[in-house]
PDB file of all heavy atoms in Angstrom:
ATOM      1  N   ASN A   1     108.809  66.326-170.109  1.00  0.00           N
ATOM      2  CA  ASN A   1     107.878  66.385-169.017  1.00  0.00           C
ATOM      3  C   ASN A   1     107.899  67.741-168.333  1.00  0.00           C
ATOM      4  O   ASN A   1     106.847  68.321-168.013  1.00  0.00           O
ATOM      5  CB  ASN A   1     108.152  65.267-167.997  1.00  0.00           C
ATOM      6  CG  ASN A   1     107.059  65.146-166.973  1.00  0.00           C
ATOM      7  OD1 ASN A   1     105.884  65.287-167.289  1.00  0.00           O
ATOM      8  ND2 ASN A   1     107.454  64.915-165.725  1.00  0.00           N
ATOM      9  N   ASP A   2     109.095  68.278-168.089  1.00  0.00           N
ATOM     10  CA  ASP A   2     109.218  69.613-167.483  1.00  0.00           C
ATOM     11  C   ASP A   2     108.579  70.665-168.356  1.00  0.00           C
ATOM     12  O   ASP A   2     107.908  71.555-167.837  1.00  0.00           O
ATOM     13  CB  ASP A   2     110.680  69.942-167.243  1.00  0.00           C
ATOM     14  CG  ASP A   2     111.296  69.160-166.101  1.00  0.00           C
ATOM     15  OD1 ASP A   2     110.520  68.555-165.307  1.00  0.00           O
ATOM     16  OD2 ASP A   2     112.543  69.163-165.993  1.00  0.00           O
ATOM     17  N   ARG A   3     108.788  70.569-169.656  1.00  0.00           N
ATOM     18  CA  ARG A   3     108.209  71.534-170.585  1.00  0.00           C
ATOM     19  C   ARG A   3     106.687  71.466-170.580  1.00  0.00           C
ATOM     20  O   ARG A   3     105.998  72.465-170.575  1.00  0.00           O
ATOM     21  CB  ARG A   3     108.759  71.296-171.990  1.00  0.00           C
ATOM     22  CG  ARG A   3     108.249  72.226-173.030  1.00  0.00           C
ATOM     23  CD  ARG A   3     108.741  73.617-172.791  1.00  0.00           C
ATOM     24  NE  ARG A   3     108.278  74.469-173.865  1.00  0.00           N
ATOM     25  CZ  ARG A   3     108.117  75.748-173.759  1.00  0.00           C
ATOM     26  NH1 ARG A   3     108.402  76.366-172.649  1.00  0.00           N
ATOM     27  NH2 ARG A   3     107.687  76.448-174.795  1.00  0.00           N
ATOM     28  N   GLU A   4     106.122  70.253-170.557  1.00  0.00           N
ATOM     29  CA  GLU A   4     104.683  70.080-170.520  1.00  0.00           C
ATOM     30  C   GLU A   4     104.100  70.652-169.229  1.00  0.00           C
ATOM     31  O   GLU A   4     103.053  71.300-169.270  1.00  0.00           O
ATOM     32  CB  GLU A   4     104.323  68.614-170.673  1.00  0.00           C
ATOM     33  CG  GLU A   4     104.516  68.084-172.070  1.00  0.00           C
ATOM     34  CD  GLU A   4     104.181  66.587-172.169  1.00  0.00           C
ATOM     35  OE1 GLU A   4     103.793  65.986-171.162  1.00  0.00           O
ATOM     36  OE2 GLU A   4     104.317  66.055-173.269  1.00  0.00           O
ATOM     37  N   LEU A   5     104.769  70.401-168.118  1.00  0.00           N
ATOM     38  CA  LEU A   5     104.289  70.964-166.849  1.00  0.00           C
ATOM     39  C   LEU A   5     104.351  72.486-166.841  1.00  0.00           C
ATOM     40  O   LEU A   5     103.448  73.163-166.346  1.00  0.00           O
ATOM     41  CB  LEU A   5     105.104  70.405-165.675  1.00  0.00           C
ATOM     42  CG  LEU A   5     104.901  68.930-165.350  1.00  0.00           C
ATOM     43  CD1 LEU A   5     105.897  68.485-164.267  1.00  0.00           C
ATOM     44  CD2 LEU A   5     103.472  68.693-164.886  1.00  0.00           C
ATOM     45  N   SER A   6     105.405  73.032-167.446  1.00  0.00           N
ATOM     46  CA  SER A   6     105.553  74.476-167.536  1.00  0.00           C
ATOM     47  C   SER A   6     104.433  75.085-168.382  1.00  0.00           C
ATOM     48  O   SER A   6     103.842  76.095-168.040  1.00  0.00           O
ATOM     49  CB  SER A   6     106.899  74.834-168.132  1.00  0.00           C
ATOM     50  OG  SER A   6     107.033  76.207-168.306  1.00  0.00           O
ATOM     51  N   LEU A   7     104.126  74.449-169.504  1.00  0.00           N
ATOM     52  CA  LEU A   7     103.056  74.915-170.388  1.00  0.00           C
ATOM     53  C   LEU A   7     101.708  74.819-169.708  1.00  0.00           C
ATOM     54  O   LEU A   7     100.861  75.722-169.829  1.00  0.00           O
ATOM     55  CB  LEU A   7     103.047  74.120-171.694  1.00  0.00           C
ATOM     56  CG  LEU A   7     104.156  74.438-172.681  1.00  0.00           C
ATOM     57  CD1 LEU A   7     104.136  73.443-173.827  1.00  0.00           C
ATOM     58  CD2 LEU A   7     104.038  75.862-173.184  1.00  0.00           C
ATOM     59  N   GLU A   8     101.452  73.746-168.971  1.00  0.00           N
ATOM     60  CA  GLU A   8     100.199  73.582-168.260  1.00  0.00           C
ATOM     61  C   GLU A   8     100.033  74.653-167.184  1.00  0.00           C
ATOM     62  O   GLU A   8      98.963  75.220-166.998  1.00  0.00           O
ATOM     63  CB  GLU A   8     100.115  72.189-167.634  1.00  0.00           C
ATOM     64  CG  GLU A   8      98.787  71.898-166.975  1.00  0.00           C
ATOM     65  CD  GLU A   8      97.603  71.962-167.921  1.00  0.00           C
ATOM     66  OE1 GLU A   8      97.762  71.594-169.104  1.00  0.00           O
ATOM     67  OE2 GLU A   8      96.515  72.379-167.484  1.00  0.00           O
ATOM     68  N   HIS A   9     101.122  74.950-166.487  1.00  0.00           N
ATOM     69  CA  HIS A   9     101.085  75.995-165.457  1.00  0.00           C
ATOM     70  C   HIS A   9     100.793  77.355-166.103  1.00  0.00           C
ATOM     71  O   HIS A   9      99.985  78.120-165.588  1.00  0.00           O
ATOM     72  CB  HIS A   9     102.408  76.025-164.683  1.00  0.00           C
ATOM     73  CG  HIS A   9     102.448  77.124-163.659  1.00  0.00           C
ATOM     74  ND1 HIS A   9     101.693  77.085-162.505  1.00  0.00           N
ATOM     75  CD2 HIS A   9     103.141  78.289-163.617  1.00  0.00           C
ATOM     76  CE1 HIS A   9     101.922  78.164-161.812  1.00  0.00           C
ATOM     77  NE2 HIS A   9     102.799  78.925-162.460  1.00  0.00           N
ATOM     78  N   ALA A  10     101.448  77.638-167.216  1.00  0.00           N
ATOM     79  CA  ALA A  10     101.231  78.909-167.914  1.00  0.00           C
ATOM     80  C   ALA A  10      99.795  79.021-168.410  1.00  0.00           C
ATOM     81  O   ALA A  10      99.169  80.078-168.322  1.00  0.00           O
ATOM     82  CB  ALA A  10     102.212  79.044-169.074  1.00  0.00           C
ATOM     83  N   ARG A  11      99.257  77.912-168.914  1.00  0.00           N
ATOM     84  CA  ARG A  11      97.880  77.898-169.403  1.00  0.00           C
ATOM     85  C   ARG A  11      96.898  78.141-168.246  1.00  0.00           C
ATOM     86  O   ARG A  11      95.927  78.899-168.398  1.00  0.00           O
ATOM     87  CB  ARG A  11      97.594  76.554-170.074  1.00  0.00           C
ATOM     88  CG  ARG A  11      96.330  76.539-170.905  1.00  0.00           C
ATOM     89  CD  ARG A  11      96.182  75.233-171.677  1.00  0.00           C
ATOM     90  NE  ARG A  11      97.340  74.939-172.504  1.00  0.00           N
ATOM     91  CZ  ARG A  11      98.004  73.799-172.500  1.00  0.00           C
ATOM     92  NH1 ARG A  11      97.635  72.814-171.740  1.00  0.00           N
ATOM     93  NH2 ARG A  11      99.057  73.622-173.274  1.00  0.00           N
ATOM     94  N   SER A  12      97.159  77.539-167.121  1.00  0.00           N
ATOM     95  CA  SER A  12      96.317  77.726-165.946  1.00  0.00           C
ATOM     96  C   SER A  12      96.362  79.158-165.453  1.00  0.00           C
ATOM     97  O   SER A  12      95.344  79.754-165.101  1.00  0.00           O
ATOM     98  CB  SER A  12      96.761  76.772-164.835  1.00  0.00           C
ATOM     99  OG  SER A  12      96.040  76.977-163.670  1.00  0.00           O
ATOM    100  N   GLU A  13      97.565  79.733-165.440  1.00  0.00           N
ATOM    101  CA  GLU A  13      97.723  81.125-165.026  1.00  0.00           C
ATOM    102  C   GLU A  13      97.007  82.056-165.979  1.00  0.00           C
ATOM    103  O   GLU A  13      96.368  83.025-165.563  1.00  0.00           O
ATOM    104  CB  GLU A  13      99.228  81.470-164.938  1.00  0.00           C
ATOM    105  CG  GLU A  13      99.504  82.866-164.462  1.00  0.00           C
ATOM    106  CD  GLU A  13      99.158  83.086-163.022  1.00  0.00           C
ATOM    107  OE1 GLU A  13      99.033  82.113-162.268  1.00  0.00           O
ATOM    108  OE2 GLU A  13      99.001  84.272-162.643  1.00  0.00           O
ATOM    109  N   GLN A  14      97.096  81.794-167.271  1.00  0.00           N
ATOM    110  CA  GLN A  14      96.423  82.599-168.293  1.00  0.00           C
ATOM    111  C   GLN A  14      94.899  82.533-168.097  1.00  0.00           C
ATOM    112  O   GLN A  14      94.209  83.552-168.197  1.00  0.00           O
ATOM    113  CB  GLN A  14      96.792  82.099-169.679  1.00  0.00           C
ATOM    114  CG  GLN A  14      96.305  82.948-170.808  1.00  0.00           C
ATOM    115  CD  GLN A  14      97.239  84.088-171.089  1.00  0.00           C
ATOM    116  OE1 GLN A  14      98.391  84.028-170.714  1.00  0.00           O
ATOM    117  NE2 GLN A  14      96.770  85.091-171.763  1.00  0.00           N
ATOM    118  N   GLU A  15      94.394  81.348-167.829  1.00  0.00           N
ATOM    119  CA  GLU A  15      92.952  81.187-167.589  1.00  0.00           C
ATOM    120  C   GLU A  15      92.526  81.986-166.368  1.00  0.00           C
ATOM    121  O   GLU A  15      91.489  82.645-166.386  1.00  0.00           O
ATOM    122  CB  GLU A  15      92.642  79.689-167.408  1.00  0.00           C
ATOM    123  CG  GLU A  15      91.185  79.403-167.178  1.00  0.00           C
ATOM    124  CD  GLU A  15      90.335  79.610-168.397  1.00  0.00           C
ATOM    125  OE1 GLU A  15      90.858  79.618-169.514  1.00  0.00           O
ATOM    126  OE2 GLU A  15      89.096  79.732-168.244  1.00  0.00           O
ATOM    127  N   HIS A  16      93.313  81.929-165.319  1.00  0.00           N
ATOM    128  CA  HIS A  16      92.976  82.678-164.104  1.00  0.00           C
ATOM    129  C   HIS A  16      92.980  84.181-164.384  1.00  0.00           C
ATOM    130  O   HIS A  16      92.065  84.893-163.970  1.00  0.00           O
ATOM    131  CB  HIS A  16      93.964  82.344-162.981  1.00  0.00           C
ATOM    132  CG  HIS A  16      93.711  83.114-161.733  1.00  0.00           C
ATOM    133  ND1 HIS A  16      92.698  82.762-160.857  1.00  0.00           N
ATOM    134  CD2 HIS A  16      94.309  84.211-161.207  1.00  0.00           C
ATOM    135  CE1 HIS A  16      92.693  83.616-159.847  1.00  0.00           C
ATOM    136  NE2 HIS A  16      93.669  84.487-160.042  1.00  0.00           N
ATOM    137  N   LEU A  17      93.997  84.658-165.081  1.00  0.00           N
ATOM    138  CA  LEU A  17      94.091  86.088-165.375  1.00  0.00           C
ATOM    139  C   LEU A  17      92.988  86.565-166.306  1.00  0.00           C
ATOM    140  O   LEU A  17      92.603  87.735-166.253  1.00  0.00           O
ATOM    141  CB  LEU A  17      95.456  86.412-165.976  1.00  0.00           C
ATOM    142  CG  LEU A  17      96.632  86.348-165.013  1.00  0.00           C
ATOM    143  CD1 LEU A  17      97.950  86.535-165.767  1.00  0.00           C
ATOM    144  CD2 LEU A  17      96.483  87.356-163.893  1.00  0.00           C
ATOM    145  N   SER A  18      92.460  85.691-167.140  1.00  0.00           N
ATOM    146  CA  SER A  18      91.367  86.105-168.037  1.00  0.00           C
ATOM    147  C   SER A  18      90.051  86.247-167.320  1.00  0.00           C
ATOM    148  O   SER A  18      89.128  86.865-167.818  1.00  0.00           O
ATOM    149  CB  SER A  18      91.236  85.113-169.190  1.00  0.00           C
ATOM    150  OG  SER A  18      90.640  83.920-168.772  1.00  0.00           O
ATOM    151  N   HIS A  19      89.938  85.694-166.098  1.00  0.00           N
ATOM    152  CA  HIS A  19      88.693  85.761-165.338  1.00  0.00           C
ATOM    153  C   HIS A  19      88.801  86.575-164.049  1.00  0.00           C
ATOM    154  O   HIS A  19      87.820  86.708-163.330  1.00  0.00           O
ATOM    155  CB  HIS A  19      88.235  84.341-164.957  1.00  0.00           C
ATOM    156  CG  HIS A  19      87.744  83.566-166.136  1.00  0.00           C
ATOM    157  ND1 HIS A  19      88.539  82.680-166.805  1.00  0.00           N
ATOM    158  CD2 HIS A  19      86.549  83.555-166.761  1.00  0.00           C
ATOM    159  CE1 HIS A  19      87.857  82.149-167.794  1.00  0.00           C
ATOM    160  NE2 HIS A  19      86.636  82.669-167.811  1.00  0.00           N
ATOM    161  N   HIS A  20      89.995  87.078-163.740  1.00  0.00           N
ATOM    162  CA  HIS A  20      90.186  87.802-162.488  1.00  0.00           C
ATOM    163  C   HIS A  20      90.999  89.081-162.728  1.00  0.00           C
ATOM    164  O   HIS A  20      91.864  89.115-163.596  1.00  0.00           O
ATOM    165  CB  HIS A  20      90.916  86.929-161.473  1.00  0.00           C
ATOM    166  CG  HIS A  20      90.111  85.769-161.020  1.00  0.00           C
ATOM    167  ND1 HIS A  20      90.020  84.619-161.751  1.00  0.00           N
ATOM    168  CD2 HIS A  20      89.348  85.582-159.911  1.00  0.00           C
ATOM    169  CE1 HIS A  20      89.213  83.761-161.129  1.00  0.00           C
ATOM    170  NE2 HIS A  20      88.807  84.326-160.020  1.00  0.00           N
ATOM    171  N   ASP A  21      90.719  90.106-161.945  1.00  0.00           N
ATOM    172  CA  ASP A  21      91.471  91.348-162.006  1.00  0.00           C
ATOM    173  C   ASP A  21      92.896  91.109-161.542  1.00  0.00           C
ATOM    174  O   ASP A  21      93.125  90.488-160.497  1.00  0.00           O
ATOM    175  CB  ASP A  21      90.775  92.391-161.116  1.00  0.00           C
ATOM    176  CG  ASP A  21      91.474  93.720-161.174  1.00  0.00           C
ATOM    177  OD1 ASP A  21      91.255  94.443-162.159  1.00  0.00           O
ATOM    178  OD2 ASP A  21      92.230  94.025-160.216  1.00  0.00           O
ATOM    179  N   SER A  22      93.863  91.596-162.299  1.00  0.00           N
ATOM    180  CA  SER A  22      95.254  91.350-161.943  1.00  0.00           C
ATOM    181  C   SER A  22      95.709  92.106-160.710  1.00  0.00           C
ATOM    182  O   SER A  22      96.600  91.666-160.006  1.00  0.00           O
ATOM    183  CB  SER A  22      96.168  91.702-163.130  1.00  0.00           C
ATOM    184  OG  SER A  22      96.012  93.075-163.465  1.00  0.00           O
ATOM    185  N   LEU A  23      95.085  93.236-160.405  1.00  0.00           N
ATOM    186  CA  LEU A  23      95.446  94.022-159.241  1.00  0.00           C
ATOM    187  C   LEU A  23      94.840  93.480-157.963  1.00  0.00           C
ATOM    188  O   LEU A  23      95.528  93.280-156.957  1.00  0.00           O
ATOM    189  CB  LEU A  23      95.051  95.489-159.446  1.00  0.00           C
ATOM    190  CG  LEU A  23      95.383  96.456-158.321  1.00  0.00           C
ATOM    191  CD1 LEU A  23      96.901  96.509-158.126  1.00  0.00           C
ATOM    192  CD2 LEU A  23      94.861  97.835-158.653  1.00  0.00           C
ATOM    193  N   THR A  24      93.532  93.211-157.992  1.00  0.00           N
ATOM    194  CA  THR A  24      92.825  92.803-156.770  1.00  0.00           C
ATOM    195  C   THR A  24      92.654  91.307-156.652  1.00  0.00           C
ATOM    196  O   THR A  24      92.422  90.802-155.563  1.00  0.00           O
ATOM    197  CB  THR A  24      91.421  93.439-156.718  1.00  0.00           C
ATOM    198  OG1 THR A  24      90.642  92.943-157.815  1.00  0.00           O
ATOM    199  CG2 THR A  24      91.490  94.961-156.775  1.00  0.00           C
ATOM    200  N   GLY A  25      92.707  90.585-157.786  1.00  0.00           N
ATOM    201  CA  GLY A  25      92.466  89.154-157.760  1.00  0.00           C
ATOM    202  C   GLY A  25      90.996  88.799-157.721  1.00  0.00           C
ATOM    203  O   GLY A  25      90.643  87.621-157.646  1.00  0.00           O
ATOM    204  N   LEU A  26      90.132  89.796-157.750  1.00  0.00           N
ATOM    205  CA  LEU A  26      88.690  89.549-157.739  1.00  0.00           C
ATOM    206  C   LEU A  26      88.171  89.133-159.094  1.00  0.00           C
ATOM    207  O   LEU A  26      88.741  89.523-160.135  1.00  0.00           O
ATOM    208  CB  LEU A  26      87.956  90.809-157.263  1.00  0.00           C
ATOM    209  CG  LEU A  26      88.247  91.269-155.847  1.00  0.00           C
ATOM    210  CD1 LEU A  26      87.616  92.636-155.591  1.00  0.00           C
ATOM    211  CD2 LEU A  26      87.736  90.250-154.847  1.00  0.00           C
ATOM    212  N   PRO A  27      87.077  88.381-159.138  1.00  0.00           N
ATOM    213  CA  PRO A  27      86.502  88.001-160.430  1.00  0.00           C
ATOM    214  C   PRO A  27      86.126  89.229-161.257  1.00  0.00           C
ATOM    215  O   PRO A  27      85.685  90.234-160.697  1.00  0.00           O
ATOM    216  CB  PRO A  27      85.258  87.201-160.039  1.00  0.00           C
ATOM    217  CG  PRO A  27      85.550  86.721-158.667  1.00  0.00           C
ATOM    218  CD  PRO A  27      86.361  87.784-158.016  1.00  0.00           C
ATOM    219  N   ASN A  28      86.277  89.138-162.566  1.00  0.00           N
ATOM    220  CA  ASN A  28      85.971  90.262-163.434  1.00  0.00           C
ATOM    221  C   ASN A  28      84.640  90.093-164.144  1.00  0.00           C
ATOM    222  O   ASN A  28      83.891  89.144-163.885  1.00  0.00           O
ATOM    223  CB  ASN A  28      87.114  90.503-164.428  1.00  0.00           C
ATOM    224  CG  ASN A  28      87.337  89.326-165.360  1.00  0.00           C
ATOM    225  OD1 ASN A  28      86.496  88.440-165.500  1.00  0.00           O
ATOM    226  ND2 ASN A  28      88.500  89.303-165.992  1.00  0.00           N
ATOM    227  N   ARG A  29      84.338  91.017-165.034  1.00  0.00           N
ATOM    228  CA  ARG A  29      83.039  91.016-165.730  1.00  0.00           C
ATOM    229  C   ARG A  29      82.888  89.779-166.611  1.00  0.00           C
ATOM    230  O   ARG A  29      81.793  89.223-166.720  1.00  0.00           O
ATOM    231  CB  ARG A  29      82.941  92.269-166.598  1.00  0.00           C
ATOM    232  CG  ARG A  29      81.589  92.443-167.229  1.00  0.00           C
ATOM    233  CD  ARG A  29      81.550  93.743-167.954  1.00  0.00           C
ATOM    234  NE  ARG A  29      81.855  94.800-167.006  1.00  0.00           N
ATOM    235  CZ  ARG A  29      81.287  95.981-166.984  1.00  0.00           C
ATOM    236  NH1 ARG A  29      80.384  96.289-167.868  1.00  0.00           N
ATOM    237  NH2 ARG A  29      81.610  96.870-166.079  1.00  0.00           N
ATOM    238  N   ARG A  30      83.950  89.317-167.217  1.00  0.00           N
ATOM    239  CA  ARG A  30      83.872  88.107-168.070  1.00  0.00           C
ATOM    240  C   ARG A  30      83.474  86.901-167.223  1.00  0.00           C
ATOM    241  O   ARG A  30      82.632  86.098-167.635  1.00  0.00           O
ATOM    242  CB  ARG A  30      85.221  87.859-168.745  1.00  0.00           C
ATOM    243  CG  ARG A  30      85.233  86.653-169.609  1.00  0.00           C
ATOM    244  CD  ARG A  30      86.566  86.490-170.287  1.00  0.00           C
ATOM    245  NE  ARG A  30      86.535  85.308-171.112  1.00  0.00           N
ATOM    246  CZ  ARG A  30      87.582  84.685-171.557  1.00  0.00           C
ATOM    247  NH1 ARG A  30      88.772  85.147-171.278  1.00  0.00           N
ATOM    248  NH2 ARG A  30      87.471  83.611-172.278  1.00  0.00           N
ATOM    249  N   PHE A  31      84.083  86.766-166.063  1.00  0.00           N
ATOM    250  CA  PHE A  31      83.765  85.668-165.130  1.00  0.00           C
ATOM    251  C   PHE A  31      82.285  85.761-164.731  1.00  0.00           C
ATOM    252  O   PHE A  31      81.558  84.777-164.746  1.00  0.00           O
ATOM    253  CB  PHE A  31      84.664  85.772-163.905  1.00  0.00           C
ATOM    254  CG  PHE A  31      84.446  84.685-162.887  1.00  0.00           C
ATOM    255  CD1 PHE A  31      85.042  83.462-163.016  1.00  0.00           C
ATOM    256  CD2 PHE A  31      83.629  84.925-161.771  1.00  0.00           C
ATOM    257  CE1 PHE A  31      84.840  82.472-162.048  1.00  0.00           C
ATOM    258  CE2 PHE A  31      83.439  83.940-160.825  1.00  0.00           C
ATOM    259  CZ  PHE A  31      84.037  82.719-160.958  1.00  0.00           C
ATOM    260  N   PHE A  32      81.848  86.983-164.375  1.00  0.00           N
ATOM    261  CA  PHE A  32      80.461  87.197-163.990  1.00  0.00           C
ATOM    262  C   PHE A  32      79.510  86.811-165.107  1.00  0.00           C
ATOM    263  O   PHE A  32      78.517  86.108-164.884  1.00  0.00           O
ATOM    264  CB  PHE A  32      80.234  88.662-163.592  1.00  0.00           C
ATOM    265  CG  PHE A  32      78.796  89.015-163.419  1.00  0.00           C
ATOM    266  CD1 PHE A  32      78.108  88.616-162.284  1.00  0.00           C
ATOM    267  CD2 PHE A  32      78.133  89.735-164.372  1.00  0.00           C
ATOM    268  CE1 PHE A  32      76.775  88.939-162.131  1.00  0.00           C
ATOM    269  CE2 PHE A  32      76.801  90.059-164.224  1.00  0.00           C
ATOM    270  CZ  PHE A  32      76.100  89.663-163.098  1.00  0.00           C
ATOM    271  N   SER A  33      79.804  87.238-166.331  1.00  0.00           N
ATOM    272  CA  SER A  33      78.939  86.945-167.472  1.00  0.00           C
ATOM    273  C   SER A  33      78.821  85.443-167.711  1.00  0.00           C
ATOM    274  O   SER A  33      77.726  84.937-167.981  1.00  0.00           O
ATOM    275  CB  SER A  33      79.466  87.625-168.732  1.00  0.00           C
ATOM    276  OG  SER A  33      79.397  89.030-168.581  1.00  0.00           O
ATOM    277  N   GLN A  34      79.926  84.738-167.631  1.00  0.00           N
ATOM    278  CA  GLN A  34      79.903  83.294-167.846  1.00  0.00           C
ATOM    279  C   GLN A  34      79.109  82.592-166.754  1.00  0.00           C
ATOM    280  O   GLN A  34      78.322  81.678-167.032  1.00  0.00           O
ATOM    281  CB  GLN A  34      81.318  82.741-167.923  1.00  0.00           C
ATOM    282  CG  GLN A  34      82.014  83.102-169.189  1.00  0.00           C
ATOM    283  CD  GLN A  34      83.445  82.595-169.214  1.00  0.00           C
ATOM    284  OE1 GLN A  34      83.998  82.181-168.216  1.00  0.00           O
ATOM    285  NE2 GLN A  34      84.045  82.637-170.395  1.00  0.00           N
ATOM    286  N   ARG A  35      79.292  83.006-165.515  1.00  0.00           N
ATOM    287  CA  ARG A  35      78.557  82.389-164.396  1.00  0.00           C
ATOM    288  C   ARG A  35      77.059  82.682-164.488  1.00  0.00           C
ATOM    289  O   ARG A  35      76.234  81.814-164.222  1.00  0.00           O
ATOM    290  CB  ARG A  35      79.106  82.859-163.057  1.00  0.00           C
ATOM    291  CG  ARG A  35      80.522  82.437-162.770  1.00  0.00           C
ATOM    292  CD  ARG A  35      80.664  80.952-162.582  1.00  0.00           C
ATOM    293  NE  ARG A  35      79.988  80.461-161.419  1.00  0.00           N
ATOM    294  CZ  ARG A  35      80.524  80.157-160.239  1.00  0.00           C
ATOM    295  NH1 ARG A  35      81.829  80.275-160.090  1.00  0.00           N
ATOM    296  NH2 ARG A  35      79.801  79.735-159.249  1.00  0.00           N
ATOM    297  N   LEU A  36      76.724  83.925-164.882  1.00  0.00           N
ATOM    298  CA  LEU A  36      75.316  84.291-165.039  1.00  0.00           C
ATOM    299  C   LEU A  36      74.678  83.483-166.151  1.00  0.00           C
ATOM    300  O   LEU A  36      73.562  82.975-166.007  1.00  0.00           O
ATOM    301  CB  LEU A  36      75.193  85.786-165.299  1.00  0.00           C
ATOM    302  CG  LEU A  36      73.769  86.299-165.522  1.00  0.00           C
ATOM    303  CD1 LEU A  36      72.878  86.019-164.297  1.00  0.00           C
ATOM    304  CD2 LEU A  36      73.803  87.777-165.848  1.00  0.00           C
ATOM    305  N   GLU A  37      75.355  83.354-167.272  1.00  0.00           N
ATOM    306  CA  GLU A  37      74.828  82.568-168.404  1.00  0.00           C
ATOM    307  C   GLU A  37      74.595  81.122-167.986  1.00  0.00           C
ATOM    308  O   GLU A  37      73.575  80.531-168.321  1.00  0.00           O
ATOM    309  CB  GLU A  37      75.770  82.649-169.597  1.00  0.00           C
ATOM    310  CG  GLU A  37      75.198  82.037-170.851  1.00  0.00           C
ATOM    311  CD  GLU A  37      73.953  82.752-171.351  1.00  0.00           C
ATOM    312  OE1 GLU A  37      73.904  83.996-171.259  1.00  0.00           O
ATOM    313  OE2 GLU A  37      73.031  82.062-171.805  1.00  0.00           O
ATOM    314  N   HIS A  38      75.525  80.561-167.237  1.00  0.00           N
ATOM    315  CA  HIS A  38      75.371  79.192-166.741  1.00  0.00           C
ATOM    316  C   HIS A  38      74.145  79.066-165.811  1.00  0.00           C
ATOM    317  O   HIS A  38      73.368  78.119-165.929  1.00  0.00           O
ATOM    318  CB  HIS A  38      76.633  78.757-166.024  1.00  0.00           C
ATOM    319  CG  HIS A  38      76.579  77.363-165.474  1.00  0.00           C
ATOM    320  ND1 HIS A  38      76.599  76.245-166.289  1.00  0.00           N
ATOM    321  CD2 HIS A  38      76.484  76.920-164.207  1.00  0.00           C
ATOM    322  CE1 HIS A  38      76.498  75.167-165.518  1.00  0.00           C
ATOM    323  NE2 HIS A  38      76.433  75.551-164.252  1.00  0.00           N
ATOM    324  N   ALA A  39      74.008  80.026-164.907  1.00  0.00           N
ATOM    325  CA  ALA A  39      72.875  80.013-163.977  1.00  0.00           C
ATOM    326  C   ALA A  39      71.538  80.142-164.734  1.00  0.00           C
ATOM    327  O   ALA A  39      70.555  79.485-164.405  1.00  0.00           O
ATOM    328  CB  ALA A  39      73.008  81.131-162.940  1.00  0.00           C
ATOM    329  N   LEU A  40      71.521  81.002-165.757  1.00  0.00           N
ATOM    330  CA  LEU A  40      70.308  81.158-166.566  1.00  0.00           C
ATOM    331  C   LEU A  40      69.976  79.878-167.313  1.00  0.00           C
ATOM    332  O   LEU A  40      68.808  79.474-167.406  1.00  0.00           O
ATOM    333  CB  LEU A  40      70.463  82.306-167.553  1.00  0.00           C
ATOM    334  CG  LEU A  40      70.465  83.710-166.942  1.00  0.00           C
ATOM    335  CD1 LEU A  40      70.917  84.719-167.978  1.00  0.00           C
ATOM    336  CD2 LEU A  40      69.107  84.054-166.386  1.00  0.00           C
ATOM    337  N   ASP A  41      70.983  79.222-167.852  1.00  0.00           N
ATOM    338  CA  ASP A  41      70.772  77.931-168.542  1.00  0.00           C
ATOM    339  C   ASP A  41      70.204  76.893-167.581  1.00  0.00           C
ATOM    340  O   ASP A  41      69.259  76.164-167.933  1.00  0.00           O
ATOM    341  CB  ASP A  41      72.067  77.410-169.143  1.00  0.00           C
ATOM    342  CG  ASP A  41      72.518  78.192-170.349  1.00  0.00           C
ATOM    343  OD1 ASP A  41      71.688  78.924-170.941  1.00  0.00           O
ATOM    344  OD2 ASP A  41      73.719  78.091-170.696  1.00  0.00           O
ATOM    345  N   LEU A  42      70.741  76.821-166.392  1.00  0.00           N
ATOM    346  CA  LEU A  42      70.228  75.866-165.401  1.00  0.00           C
ATOM    347  C   LEU A  42      68.787  76.174-165.020  1.00  0.00           C
ATOM    348  O   LEU A  42      67.954  75.275-164.888  1.00  0.00           O
ATOM    349  CB  LEU A  42      71.107  75.877-164.135  1.00  0.00           C
ATOM    350  CG  LEU A  42      72.429  75.161-164.234  1.00  0.00           C
ATOM    351  CD1 LEU A  42      73.223  75.360-162.941  1.00  0.00           C
ATOM    352  CD2 LEU A  42      72.250  73.698-164.516  1.00  0.00           C
ATOM    353  N   ALA A  43      68.483  77.451-164.841  1.00  0.00           N
ATOM    354  CA  ALA A  43      67.124  77.835-164.486  1.00  0.00           C
ATOM    355  C   ALA A  43      66.149  77.485-165.613  1.00  0.00           C
ATOM    356  O   ALA A  43      65.052  76.992-165.333  1.00  0.00           O
ATOM    357  CB  ALA A  43      67.049  79.332-164.180  1.00  0.00           C
TER     358      ALA A  43
END
C-alpha cells in the first residue's frame, strides 16, 4: 500500500511538472495547447 501511494504521488508530480514551469510553477505551452484544443473542440 505504501509503495502504491508513493507511485501515485510520483505520477501526480510528474503530470504537474509536464504541464507547469518548474521554476515559476506557471502553466507551460503544452498545458496551453491542450486547453486551447479542448476549447476549440467544445466550440
